[in-house]
Amino acid sequence: MNEYLIQTKDLNFQFNNKRKILENLSLNIPKGSIYGFLGPNGAGKSTTMRLITGLLNEQQNESIYLFGETLSKQLPQIFKRIGSIIETPTLYLHLSGYDNLKLIATIQEVPNSKIQEILELVELSKFQKQKAKQYSLGMKQRLAIGMALLNDPELLILDEPVNGLDPQGIIEVRQLLKKLNKEKGITIFISSHLLSEIEKTCTHVGIINQGKLLFEGSLADLGNKNKNITVDIILDEVEKYHSKLNGFEVTQIDSKTLQFVLDNEKEIPELIQNLVQNDFQIYGVNKRGGLEDWFINLTDKK
């Protein structure tokens, strides 16, 4: 059995002869993962998702594989195994949450008994009779995800699912995705520009820039490739300490902040102790690192 639910093999795509949108893109999305697909604006994320869901046609054969088989050989029946939201979700705002789900259930020939199950899953049972136009953005997004779940998909593909949501809405969607992955075993392929949210949600990431894959693997793998820790030390006034900075590898960020690059986080207590012994008056310590810094380091090289 194939361990990857989605694979692209040297996938290329271009709208014109001037520039390739995707160049030899090879992705491997493991079964059972929550895979975060990252890249700057214009990197090719949405184009990739549109190709994987058949909204755009491949420009070469047998470059996209779903469930171990080429996408082209499985259309259109493959959509019975996939749920997706690409770009803005389509909701009928004049209908209730229940009726939105009922409409999709009718189209997909899903029994109405499934609707209550989905409403409970996305925590909208109490609001099922309320019109969708009265829903918060977070509720609308959970309803849209519920519509994508009606056919019991094995794979859920979501393009920017928390875009525009307030903090509470983001938390609710994150909790829902983790629940779907853990309790339902659904593999989730998600793009987002909110790196901190990807770090809290995903098990694996792929980072692309200018249509090329820069990194793919687990978050632990990415951390192992980017071991340096950056620490910002906030002082009352940096100029007072210039004569004491000999022996430190340091960058001045502003009039009150010095930035130190360390080999690992175990060196942080040693650094602080050293600064205190040299009479530095420390007002704050901020440790950088994680997905945001790793992402910037990778994409800035291109």
C-alpha atoms as a PDB file:
ATOM      1  CA  MET A   1       0.000   0.000   0.000  1.00  0.00           C
ATOM      2  CA  ASN A   2       1.347   3.431  -0.958  1.00  0.00           C
ATOM      3  CA  GLU A   3       2.401   5.486   2.077  1.00  0.00           C
ATOM      4  CA  TYR A   4       1.667   8.759   0.251  1.00  0.00           C
ATOM      5  CA  LEU A   5      -1.849   9.992  -0.523  1.00  0.00           C
ATOM      6  CA  ILE A   6      -0.601  12.759  -2.808  1.00  0.00           C
ATOM      7  CA  GLN A   7       2.497  12.756  -4.954  1.00  0.00           C
ATOM      8  CA  THR A   8       3.658  15.046  -7.710  1.00  0.00           C
ATOM      9  CA  LYS A   9       6.568  13.874  -9.826  1.00  0.00           C
ATOM     10  CA  ASP A  10       8.547  16.592 -11.596  1.00  0.00           C
ATOM     11  CA  LEU A  11       5.362  18.623 -12.007  1.00  0.00           C
ATOM     12  CA  ASN A  12       5.690  21.599 -14.361  1.00  0.00           C
ATOM     13  CA  PHE A  13       3.128  24.245 -15.243  1.00  0.00           C
ATOM     14  CA  GLN A  14       3.099  27.593 -17.020  1.00  0.00           C
ATOM     15  CA  PHE A  15       0.401  29.928 -18.299  1.00  0.00           C
ATOM     16  CA  ASN A  16       2.684  31.362 -20.985  1.00  0.00           C
ATOM     17  CA  ASN A  17       6.150  30.872 -22.406  1.00  0.00           C
ATOM     18  CA  LYS A  18       7.736  33.612 -20.324  1.00  0.00           C
ATOM     19  CA  ARG A  19       7.809  32.007 -16.879  1.00  0.00           C
ATOM     20  CA  LYS A  20       7.197  28.611 -15.322  1.00  0.00           C
ATOM     21  CA  ILE A  21       4.772  28.699 -12.409  1.00  0.00           C
ATOM     22  CA  LEU A  22       5.932  25.266 -11.231  1.00  0.00           C
ATOM     23  CA  GLU A  23       9.277  23.719 -12.066  1.00  0.00           C
ATOM     24  CA  ASN A  24       9.981  20.014 -11.471  1.00  0.00           C
ATOM     25  CA  LEU A  25       7.885  20.050  -8.301  1.00  0.00           C
ATOM     26  CA  SER A  26       7.938  16.702  -6.481  1.00  0.00           C
ATOM     27  CA  LEU A  27       5.739  16.540  -3.386  1.00  0.00           C
ATOM     28  CA  ASN A  28       5.111  13.576  -1.092  1.00  0.00           C
ATOM     29  CA  ILE A  29       2.187  13.976   1.319  1.00  0.00           C
ATOM     30  CA  PRO A  30       2.182  11.062   3.797  1.00  0.00           C
ATOM     31  CA  LYS A  31      -1.006   9.226   4.639  1.00  0.00           C
ATOM     32  CA  GLY A  32      -2.340  10.342   8.023  1.00  0.00           C
ATOM     33  CA  SER A  33      -0.438  13.632   8.063  1.00  0.00           C
ATOM     34  CA  ILE A  34      -1.471  17.264   8.303  1.00  0.00           C
ATOM     35  CA  TYR A  35       0.773  18.705   5.627  1.00  0.00           C
ATOM     36  CA  GLY A  36       1.388  22.445   5.506  1.00  0.00           C
ATOM     37  CA  PHE A  37       2.163  23.837   2.065  1.00  0.00           C
ATOM     38  CA  LEU A  38       4.082  27.093   2.395  1.00  0.00           C
ATOM     39  CA  GLY A  39       5.528  29.731   0.127  1.00  0.00           C
ATOM     40  CA  PRO A  40       5.500  33.496  -0.515  1.00  0.00           C
ATOM     41  CA  ASN A  41       2.707  35.035  -2.580  1.00  0.00           C
ATOM     42  CA  GLY A  42       3.091  33.894  -6.184  1.00  0.00           C
ATOM     43  CA  ALA A  43       5.184  30.855  -5.241  1.00  0.00           C
ATOM     44  CA  GLY A  44       2.753  28.453  -6.911  1.00  0.00           C
ATOM     45  CA  LYS A  45       0.757  27.089  -3.956  1.00  0.00           C
ATOM     46  CA  SER A  46      -2.744  27.733  -5.317  1.00  0.00           C
ATOM     47  CA  THR A  47      -1.755  26.569  -8.799  1.00  0.00           C
ATOM     48  CA  THR A  48      -0.512  23.287  -7.321  1.00  0.00           C
ATOM     49  CA  MET A  49      -3.745  22.780  -5.402  1.00  0.00           C
ATOM     50  CA  ARG A  50      -5.857  23.551  -8.451  1.00  0.00           C
ATOM     51  CA  LEU A  51      -3.896  20.983 -10.448  1.00  0.00           C
ATOM     52  CA  ILE A  52      -4.252  18.341  -7.736  1.00  0.00           C
ATOM     53  CA  THR A  53      -8.012  18.877  -7.549  1.00  0.00           C
ATOM     54  CA  GLY A  54      -8.452  18.894 -11.336  1.00  0.00           C
ATOM     55  CA  LEU A  55      -9.450  22.553 -11.556  1.00  0.00           C
ATOM     56  CA  LEU A  56      -6.478  23.027 -13.880  1.00  0.00           C
ATOM     57  CA  ASN A  57      -5.421  20.452 -16.442  1.00  0.00           C
ATOM     58  CA  GLU A  58      -1.971  18.893 -16.278  1.00  0.00           C
ATOM     59  CA  GLN A  59       0.358  19.967 -19.056  1.00  0.00           C
ATOM     60  CA  GLN A  60       2.172  16.643 -19.059  1.00  0.00           C
ATOM     61  CA  ASN A  61       0.788  13.191 -18.334  1.00  0.00           C
ATOM     62  CA  GLU A  62       1.261  11.177 -15.165  1.00  0.00           C
ATOM     63  CA  SER A  63       2.807  13.863 -12.963  1.00  0.00           C
ATOM     64  CA  ILE A  64       0.090  13.838 -10.274  1.00  0.00           C
ATOM     65  CA  TYR A  65      -0.732  10.757  -8.207  1.00  0.00           C
ATOM     66  CA  LEU A  66      -3.528  10.362  -5.681  1.00  0.00           C
ATOM     67  CA  PHE A  67      -3.866   7.209  -3.589  1.00  0.00           C
ATOM     68  CA  GLY A  68      -1.031   5.664  -5.580  1.00  0.00           C
ATOM     69  CA  GLU A  69      -2.649   6.075  -9.022  1.00  0.00           C
ATOM     70  CA  THR A  70      -2.388   8.816 -11.606  1.00  0.00           C
ATOM     71  CA  LEU A  71      -5.024  11.519 -11.249  1.00  0.00           C
ATOM     72  CA  SER A  72      -5.871  11.503 -14.953  1.00  0.00           C
ATOM     73  CA  LYS A  73      -6.972   7.848 -14.833  1.00  0.00           C
ATOM     74  CA  GLN A  74      -9.254   8.389 -11.832  1.00  0.00           C
ATOM     75  CA  LEU A  75     -11.320  11.369 -12.953  1.00  0.00           C
ATOM     76  CA  PRO A  76     -14.091  12.054 -12.046  1.00  0.00           C
ATOM     77  CA  GLN A  77     -14.727   9.205  -9.591  1.00  0.00           C
ATOM     78  CA  ILE A  78     -11.730  10.241  -7.472  1.00  0.00           C
ATOM     79  CA  PHE A  79     -13.757  13.131  -6.047  1.00  0.00           C
ATOM     80  CA  LYS A  80     -15.781  10.681  -3.966  1.00  0.00           C
ATOM     81  CA  ARG A  81     -12.634  10.223  -1.875  1.00  0.00           C
ATOM     82  CA  ILE A  82     -11.668  13.899  -1.606  1.00  0.00           C
ATOM     83  CA  GLY A  83     -13.074  16.975   0.093  1.00  0.00           C
ATOM     84  CA  SER A  84     -11.699  20.372  -0.834  1.00  0.00           C
ATOM     85  CA  ILE A  85     -12.024  24.112  -0.425  1.00  0.00           C
ATOM     86  CA  ILE A  86     -10.021  26.037  -2.998  1.00  0.00           C
ATOM     87  CA  GLU A  87     -10.066  29.818  -2.703  1.00  0.00           C
ATOM     88  CA  THR A  88     -13.293  31.296  -1.255  1.00  0.00           C
ATOM     89  CA  PRO A  89     -15.805  28.690  -0.013  1.00  0.00           C
ATOM     90  CA  THR A  90     -19.204  28.780  -1.702  1.00  0.00           C
ATOM     91  CA  LEU A  91     -22.027  29.221   0.783  1.00  0.00           C
ATOM     92  CA  TYR A  92     -25.675  30.061   0.165  1.00  0.00           C
ATOM     93  CA  LEU A  93     -26.022  32.882   2.663  1.00  0.00           C
ATOM     94  CA  HIS A  94     -29.818  33.062   2.450  1.00  0.00           C
ATOM     95  CA  LEU A  95     -30.065  29.417   3.543  1.00  0.00           C
ATOM     96  CA  SER A  96     -29.613  27.993   7.021  1.00  0.00           C
ATOM     97  CA  GLY A  97     -26.538  25.992   7.951  1.00  0.00           C
ATOM     98  CA  TYR A  98     -28.633  22.826   7.763  1.00  0.00           C
ATOM     99  CA  ASP A  99     -30.025  23.667   4.322  1.00  0.00           C
ATOM    100  CA  ASN A 100     -26.555  24.442   2.974  1.00  0.00           C
ATOM    101  CA  LEU A 101     -25.500  20.958   3.973  1.00  0.00           C
ATOM    102  CA  LYS A 102     -28.732  19.422   2.692  1.00  0.00           C
ATOM    103  CA  LEU A 103     -28.221  20.956  -0.749  1.00  0.00           C
ATOM    104  CA  ILE A 104     -24.736  19.448  -1.065  1.00  0.00           C
ATOM    105  CA  ALA A 105     -25.971  16.136   0.363  1.00  0.00           C
ATOM    106  CA  THR A 106     -28.652  15.994  -2.339  1.00  0.00           C
ATOM    107  CA  ILE A 107     -26.138  16.703  -5.104  1.00  0.00           C
ATOM    108  CA  GLN A 108     -23.739  14.066  -3.790  1.00  0.00           C
ATOM    109  CA  GLU A 109     -26.546  11.583  -3.048  1.00  0.00           C
ATOM    110  CA  VAL A 110     -25.602  11.478   0.622  1.00  0.00           C
ATOM    111  CA  PRO A 111     -28.408  10.503   3.041  1.00  0.00           C
ATOM    112  CA  ASN A 112     -29.842  13.349   5.114  1.00  0.00           C
ATOM    113  CA  SER A 113     -28.970  11.414   8.267  1.00  0.00           C
ATOM    114  CA  LYS A 114     -25.357  12.382   7.611  1.00  0.00           C
ATOM    115  CA  ILE A 115     -26.159  16.084   8.045  1.00  0.00           C
ATOM    116  CA  GLN A 116     -26.637  15.954  11.818  1.00  0.00           C
ATOM    117  CA  GLU A 117     -23.407  14.016  12.205  1.00  0.00           C
ATOM    118  CA  ILE A 118     -21.530  16.704  10.295  1.00  0.00           C
ATOM    119  CA  LEU A 119     -23.189  19.536  12.222  1.00  0.00           C
ATOM    120  CA  GLU A 120     -22.049  17.967  15.477  1.00  0.00           C
ATOM    121  CA  LEU A 121     -18.572  17.365  14.133  1.00  0.00           C
ATOM    122  CA  VAL A 122     -18.068  21.028  13.142  1.00  0.00           C
ATOM    123  CA  GLU A 123     -19.920  22.188  16.295  1.00  0.00           C
ATOM    124  CA  LEU A 124     -22.764  23.973  14.528  1.00  0.00           C
ATOM    125  CA  SER A 125     -25.699  21.907  15.794  1.00  0.00           C
ATOM    126  CA  LYS A 126     -26.972  24.782  17.937  1.00  0.00           C
ATOM    127  CA  PHE A 127     -26.919  27.118  14.950  1.00  0.00           C
ATOM    128  CA  GLN A 128     -28.236  24.809  12.229  1.00  0.00           C
ATOM    129  CA  LYS A 129     -31.481  26.760  11.729  1.00  0.00           C
ATOM    130  CA  GLN A 130     -29.709  30.104  11.625  1.00  0.00           C
ATOM    131  CA  LYS A 131     -29.051  31.621   8.188  1.00  0.00           C
ATOM    132  CA  ALA A 132     -25.439  31.418   7.055  1.00  0.00           C
ATOM    133  CA  LYS A 133     -25.304  35.198   6.533  1.00  0.00           C
ATOM    134  CA  GLN A 134     -25.654  35.554  10.302  1.00  0.00           C
ATOM    135  CA  TYR A 135     -22.665  33.284  10.980  1.00  0.00           C
ATOM    136  CA  SER A 136     -19.278  34.619  12.061  1.00  0.00           C
ATOM    137  CA  LEU A 137     -16.395  34.096   9.627  1.00  0.00           C
ATOM    138  CA  GLY A 138     -15.174  31.188  11.731  1.00  0.00           C
ATOM    139  CA  MET A 139     -18.616  29.552  11.682  1.00  0.00           C
ATOM    140  CA  LYS A 140     -18.849  30.027   7.918  1.00  0.00           C
ATOM    141  CA  GLN A 141     -15.492  28.357   7.464  1.00  0.00           C
ATOM    142  CA  ARG A 142     -16.492  25.424   9.679  1.00  0.00           C
ATOM    143  CA  LEU A 143     -19.709  25.093   7.688  1.00  0.00           C
ATOM    144  CA  ALA A 144     -17.712  25.054   4.446  1.00  0.00           C
ATOM    145  CA  ILE A 145     -15.430  22.363   5.874  1.00  0.00           C
ATOM    146  CA  GLY A 146     -18.541  20.439   6.923  1.00  0.00           C
ATOM    147  CA  MET A 147     -19.814  20.584   3.339  1.00  0.00           C
ATOM    148  CA  ALA A 148     -16.463  19.174   2.183  1.00  0.00           C
ATOM    149  CA  LEU A 149     -16.815  16.338   4.705  1.00  0.00           C
ATOM    150  CA  LEU A 150     -20.251  15.083   3.658  1.00  0.00           C
ATOM    151  CA  ASN A 151     -18.846  12.355   1.419  1.00  0.00           C
ATOM    152  CA  ASP A 152     -16.546  10.974   4.154  1.00  0.00           C
ATOM    153  CA  PRO A 153     -13.343  11.910   2.329  1.00  0.00           C
ATOM    154  CA  GLU A 154     -10.029  10.232   3.011  1.00  0.00           C
ATOM    155  CA  LEU A 155      -8.247  13.389   1.933  1.00  0.00           C
ATOM    156  CA  LEU A 156      -9.095  17.023   2.711  1.00  0.00           C
ATOM    157  CA  ILE A 157      -7.479  19.791   0.638  1.00  0.00           C
ATOM    158  CA  LEU A 158      -7.796  23.322   2.009  1.00  0.00           C
ATOM    159  CA  ASP A 159      -6.410  26.512   0.476  1.00  0.00           C
ATOM    160  CA  GLU A 160      -5.897  29.223   3.141  1.00  0.00           C
ATOM    161  CA  PRO A 161      -8.660  27.942   5.479  1.00  0.00           C
ATOM    162  CA  VAL A 162      -7.994  30.515   8.227  1.00  0.00           C
ATOM    163  CA  ASN A 163      -7.467  33.523   5.986  1.00  0.00           C
ATOM    164  CA  GLY A 164      -9.291  36.558   7.405  1.00  0.00           C
ATOM    165  CA  LEU A 165     -10.427  34.846  10.599  1.00  0.00           C
ATOM    166  CA  ASP A 166     -10.138  36.442  14.019  1.00  0.00           C
ATOM    167  CA  PRO A 167      -8.015  34.665  16.679  1.00  0.00           C
ATOM    168  CA  GLN A 168     -10.982  32.718  18.045  1.00  0.00           C
ATOM    169  CA  GLY A 169     -11.996  31.587  14.562  1.00  0.00           C
ATOM    170  CA  ILE A 170      -8.437  30.459  13.845  1.00  0.00           C
ATOM    171  CA  ILE A 171      -8.353  28.417  17.049  1.00  0.00           C
ATOM    172  CA  GLU A 172     -11.701  26.788  16.233  1.00  0.00           C
ATOM    173  CA  VAL A 173     -10.582  25.753  12.745  1.00  0.00           C
ATOM    174  CA  ARG A 174      -7.245  24.485  14.071  1.00  0.00           C
ATOM    175  CA  GLN A 175      -8.987  22.345  16.694  1.00  0.00           C
ATOM    176  CA  LEU A 176     -11.376  20.989  14.070  1.00  0.00           C
ATOM    177  CA  LEU A 177      -8.571  20.012  11.685  1.00  0.00           C
ATOM    178  CA  LYS A 178      -6.657  18.239  14.434  1.00  0.00           C
ATOM    179  CA  LYS A 179      -9.820  16.432  15.463  1.00  0.00           C
ATOM    180  CA  LEU A 180     -10.536  15.297  11.896  1.00  0.00           C
ATOM    181  CA  ASN A 181      -6.991  14.041  11.549  1.00  0.00           C
ATOM    182  CA  LYS A 182      -6.811  12.264  14.888  1.00  0.00           C
ATOM    183  CA  GLU A 183     -10.314  10.843  15.240  1.00  0.00           C
ATOM    184  CA  LYS A 184     -11.299  10.340  11.600  1.00  0.00           C
ATOM    185  CA  GLY A 185      -7.864   9.551  10.212  1.00  0.00           C
ATOM    186  CA  ILE A 186      -8.279  12.129   7.434  1.00  0.00           C
ATOM    187  CA  THR A 187      -5.104  13.261   5.702  1.00  0.00           C
ATOM    188  CA  ILE A 188      -5.130  17.053   5.374  1.00  0.00           C
ATOM    189  CA  PHE A 189      -3.223  19.090   2.770  1.00  0.00           C
ATOM    190  CA  ILE A 190      -3.367  22.747   3.747  1.00  0.00           C
ATOM    191  CA  SER A 191      -1.818  25.928   2.379  1.00  0.00           C
ATOM    192  CA  SER A 192      -1.442  29.018   4.507  1.00  0.00           C
ATOM    193  CA  HIS A 193       0.618  32.167   4.868  1.00  0.00           C
ATOM    194  CA  LEU A 194       0.163  32.116   8.676  1.00  0.00           C
ATOM    195  CA  LEU A 195       3.375  30.333   9.620  1.00  0.00           C
ATOM    196  CA  SER A 196       2.728  30.276  13.360  1.00  0.00           C
ATOM    197  CA  GLU A 197      -0.587  28.536  12.727  1.00  0.00           C
ATOM    198  CA  ILE A 198       1.006  25.935  10.459  1.00  0.00           C
ATOM    199  CA  GLU A 199       3.559  25.234  13.174  1.00  0.00           C
ATOM    200  CA  LYS A 200       0.761  24.619  15.699  1.00  0.00           C
ATOM    201  CA  THR A 201      -1.321  22.481  13.345  1.00  0.00           C
ATOM    202  CA  CYS A 202       0.830  20.474  10.951  1.00  0.00           C
ATOM    203  CA  THR A 203       3.001  17.386  11.227  1.00  0.00           C
ATOM    204  CA  HIS A 204       4.816  17.933   7.917  1.00  0.00           C
ATOM    205  CA  VAL A 205       5.629  20.908   5.714  1.00  0.00           C
ATOM    206  CA  GLY A 206       6.650  21.629   2.151  1.00  0.00           C
ATOM    207  CA  ILE A 207       8.190  25.009   1.325  1.00  0.00           C
ATOM    208  CA  ILE A 208       8.254  26.324  -2.233  1.00  0.00           C
ATOM    209  CA  ASN A 209       9.465  29.530  -3.803  1.00  0.00           C
ATOM    210  CA  GLN A 210       9.246  30.540  -7.470  1.00  0.00           C
ATOM    211  CA  GLY A 211       7.681  27.171  -8.240  1.00  0.00           C
ATOM    212  CA  LYS A 212      10.564  25.133  -6.836  1.00  0.00           C
ATOM    213  CA  LEU A 213      10.558  22.921  -3.757  1.00  0.00           C
ATOM    214  CA  LEU A 214      13.040  24.167  -1.146  1.00  0.00           C
ATOM    215  CA  PHE A 215      12.256  21.766   1.686  1.00  0.00           C
ATOM    216  CA  GLU A 216       9.937  18.877   2.488  1.00  0.00           C
ATOM    217  CA  GLY A 217       9.717  16.828   5.659  1.00  0.00           C
ATOM    218  CA  SER A 218       8.505  16.823   9.234  1.00  0.00           C
ATOM    219  CA  LEU A 219       8.775  19.883  11.442  1.00  0.00           C
ATOM    220  CA  ALA A 220      11.428  18.005  13.419  1.00  0.00           C
ATOM    221  CA  ASP A 221      13.418  17.487  10.213  1.00  0.00           C
ATOM    222  CA  LEU A 222      13.221  21.200   9.455  1.00  0.00           C
ATOM    223  CA  GLY A 223      14.374  22.053  12.960  1.00  0.00           C
ATOM    224  CA  ASN A 224      17.377  19.749  12.599  1.00  0.00           C
ATOM    225  CA  LYS A 225      18.394  21.607   9.436  1.00  0.00           C
ATOM    226  CA  ASN A 226      18.142  24.962  11.193  1.00  0.00           C
ATOM    227  CA  LYS A 227      19.733  24.477  14.585  1.00  0.00           C
ATOM    228  CA  ASN A 228      20.939  28.030  15.237  1.00  0.00           C
ATOM    229  CA  ILE A 229      19.004  29.986  17.826  1.00  0.00           C
ATOM    230  CA  THR A 230      18.660  33.772  17.623  1.00  0.00           C
ATOM    231  CA  VAL A 231      18.166  35.671  20.874  1.00  0.00           C
ATOM    232  CA  ASP A 232      17.163  39.332  21.192  1.00  0.00           C
ATOM    233  CA  ILE A 233      18.353  41.013  24.381  1.00  0.00           C
ATOM    234  CA  ILE A 234      16.492  44.185  25.310  1.00  0.00           C
ATOM    235  CA  LEU A 235      18.509  46.761  27.260  1.00  0.00           C
ATOM    236  CA  ASP A 236      17.900  50.257  28.586  1.00  0.00           C
ATOM    237  CA  GLU A 237      20.319  51.721  26.008  1.00  0.00           C
ATOM    238  CA  VAL A 238      22.673  49.787  23.714  1.00  0.00           C
ATOM    239  CA  GLU A 239      25.321  52.557  23.435  1.00  0.00           C
ATOM    240  CA  LYS A 240      26.215  52.191  27.101  1.00  0.00           C
ATOM    241  CA  TYR A 241      27.501  48.661  26.471  1.00  0.00           C
ATOM    242  CA  HIS A 242      29.511  49.017  23.236  1.00  0.00           C
ATOM    243  CA  SER A 243      32.853  48.811  25.057  1.00  0.00           C
ATOM    244  CA  LYS A 244      31.787  45.549  26.700  1.00  0.00           C
ATOM    245  CA  LEU A 245      30.762  43.705  23.525  1.00  0.00           C
ATOM    246  CA  ASN A 246      34.217  42.400  22.648  1.00  0.00           C
ATOM    247  CA  GLY A 247      34.104  38.635  22.352  1.00  0.00           C
ATOM    248  CA  PHE A 248      30.398  38.539  21.472  1.00  0.00           C
ATOM    249  CA  GLU A 249      29.013  37.832  17.992  1.00  0.00           C
ATOM    250  CA  VAL A 250      26.233  40.367  18.043  1.00  0.00           C
ATOM    251  CA  THR A 251      24.095  42.584  15.813  1.00  0.00           C
ATOM    252  CA  GLN A 252      22.490  45.837  16.964  1.00  0.00           C
ATOM    253  CA  ILE A 253      18.819  45.856  15.948  1.00  0.00           C
ATOM    254  CA  ASP A 254      17.820  49.243  17.373  1.00  0.00           C
ATOM    255  CA  SER A 255      18.786  51.608  20.194  1.00  0.00           C
ATOM    256  CA  LYS A 256      17.681  49.105  22.845  1.00  0.00           C
ATOM    257  CA  THR A 257      18.060  45.676  21.253  1.00  0.00           C
ATOM    258  CA  LEU A 258      21.047  43.414  20.608  1.00  0.00           C
ATOM    259  CA  GLN A 259      20.708  40.169  18.657  1.00  0.00           C
ATOM    260  CA  PHE A 260      22.909  37.148  19.365  1.00  0.00           C
ATOM    261  CA  VAL A 261      23.177  33.973  17.256  1.00  0.00           C
ATOM    262  CA  LEU A 262      23.818  30.807  19.302  1.00  0.00           C
ATOM    263  CA  ASP A 263      24.482  27.217  18.306  1.00  0.00           C
ATOM    264  CA  ASN A 264      21.598  25.918  20.431  1.00  0.00           C
ATOM    265  CA  GLU A 265      19.188  27.020  23.141  1.00  0.00           C
ATOM    266  CA  LYS A 266      21.337  25.488  25.900  1.00  0.00           C
ATOM    267  CA  GLU A 267      23.719  28.426  25.424  1.00  0.00           C
ATOM    268  CA  ILE A 268      21.047  30.983  26.395  1.00  0.00           C
ATOM    269  CA  PRO A 269      21.579  30.769  30.215  1.00  0.00           C
ATOM    270  CA  GLU A 270      25.349  31.027  29.681  1.00  0.00           C
ATOM    271  CA  LEU A 271      24.898  34.112  27.502  1.00  0.00           C
ATOM    272  CA  ILE A 272      22.643  35.841  30.013  1.00  0.00           C
ATOM    273  CA  GLN A 273      24.981  35.016  32.892  1.00  0.00           C
ATOM    274  CA  ASN A 274      27.912  36.400  30.949  1.00  0.00           C
ATOM    275  CA  LEU A 275      26.058  39.632  30.143  1.00  0.00           C
ATOM    276  CA  VAL A 276      24.989  40.110  33.762  1.00  0.00           C
ATOM    277  CA  GLN A 277      28.571  39.586  34.932  1.00  0.00           C
ATOM    278  CA  ASN A 278      29.552  42.365  32.527  1.00  0.00           C
ATOM    279  CA  ASP A 279      26.999  44.692  34.147  1.00  0.00           C
ATOM    280  CA  PHE A 280      24.437  44.595  31.325  1.00  0.00           C
ATOM    281  CA  GLN A 281      21.018  45.737  32.562  1.00  0.00           C
ATOM    282  CA  ILE A 282      18.682  43.285  30.846  1.00  0.00           C
ATOM    283  CA  TYR A 283      15.005  44.253  30.424  1.00  0.00           C
ATOM    284  CA  GLY A 284      13.866  41.406  28.210  1.00  0.00           C
ATOM    285  CA  VAL A 285      14.935  38.234  26.389  1.00  0.00           C
ATOM    286  CA  ASN A 286      13.178  37.029  23.218  1.00  0.00           C
ATOM    287  CA  LYS A 287      14.159  33.718  21.659  1.00  0.00           C
ATOM    288  CA  ARG A 288      13.627  33.475  17.934  1.00  0.00           C
ATOM    289  CA  GLY A 289      13.610  30.367  15.802  1.00  0.00           C
ATOM    290  CA  GLY A 290      10.910  27.974  14.699  1.00  0.00           C
ATOM    291  CA  LEU A 291       9.087  27.829  11.411  1.00  0.00           C
ATOM    292  CA  GLU A 292       8.944  31.570  10.727  1.00  0.00           C
ATOM    293  CA  ASP A 293      12.704  32.049  10.938  1.00  0.00           C
ATOM    294  CA  TRP A 294      13.398  28.811   9.050  1.00  0.00           C
ATOM    295  CA  PHE A 295      10.999  29.890   6.301  1.00  0.00           C
ATOM    296  CA  ILE A 296      12.649  33.292   5.959  1.00  0.00           C
ATOM    297  CA  ASN A 297      16.119  31.745   5.896  1.00  0.00           C
ATOM    298  CA  LEU A 298      15.119  29.388   3.090  1.00  0.00           C
ATOM    299  CA  THR A 299      13.178  31.819   0.904  1.00  0.00           C
ATOM    300  CA  ASP A 300      15.668  34.682   1.315  1.00  0.00           C
ATOM    301  CA  LYS A 301      18.306  32.547  -0.365  1.00  0.00           C
ATOM    302  CA  LYS A 302      16.341  32.494  -3.615  1.00  0.00           C
END
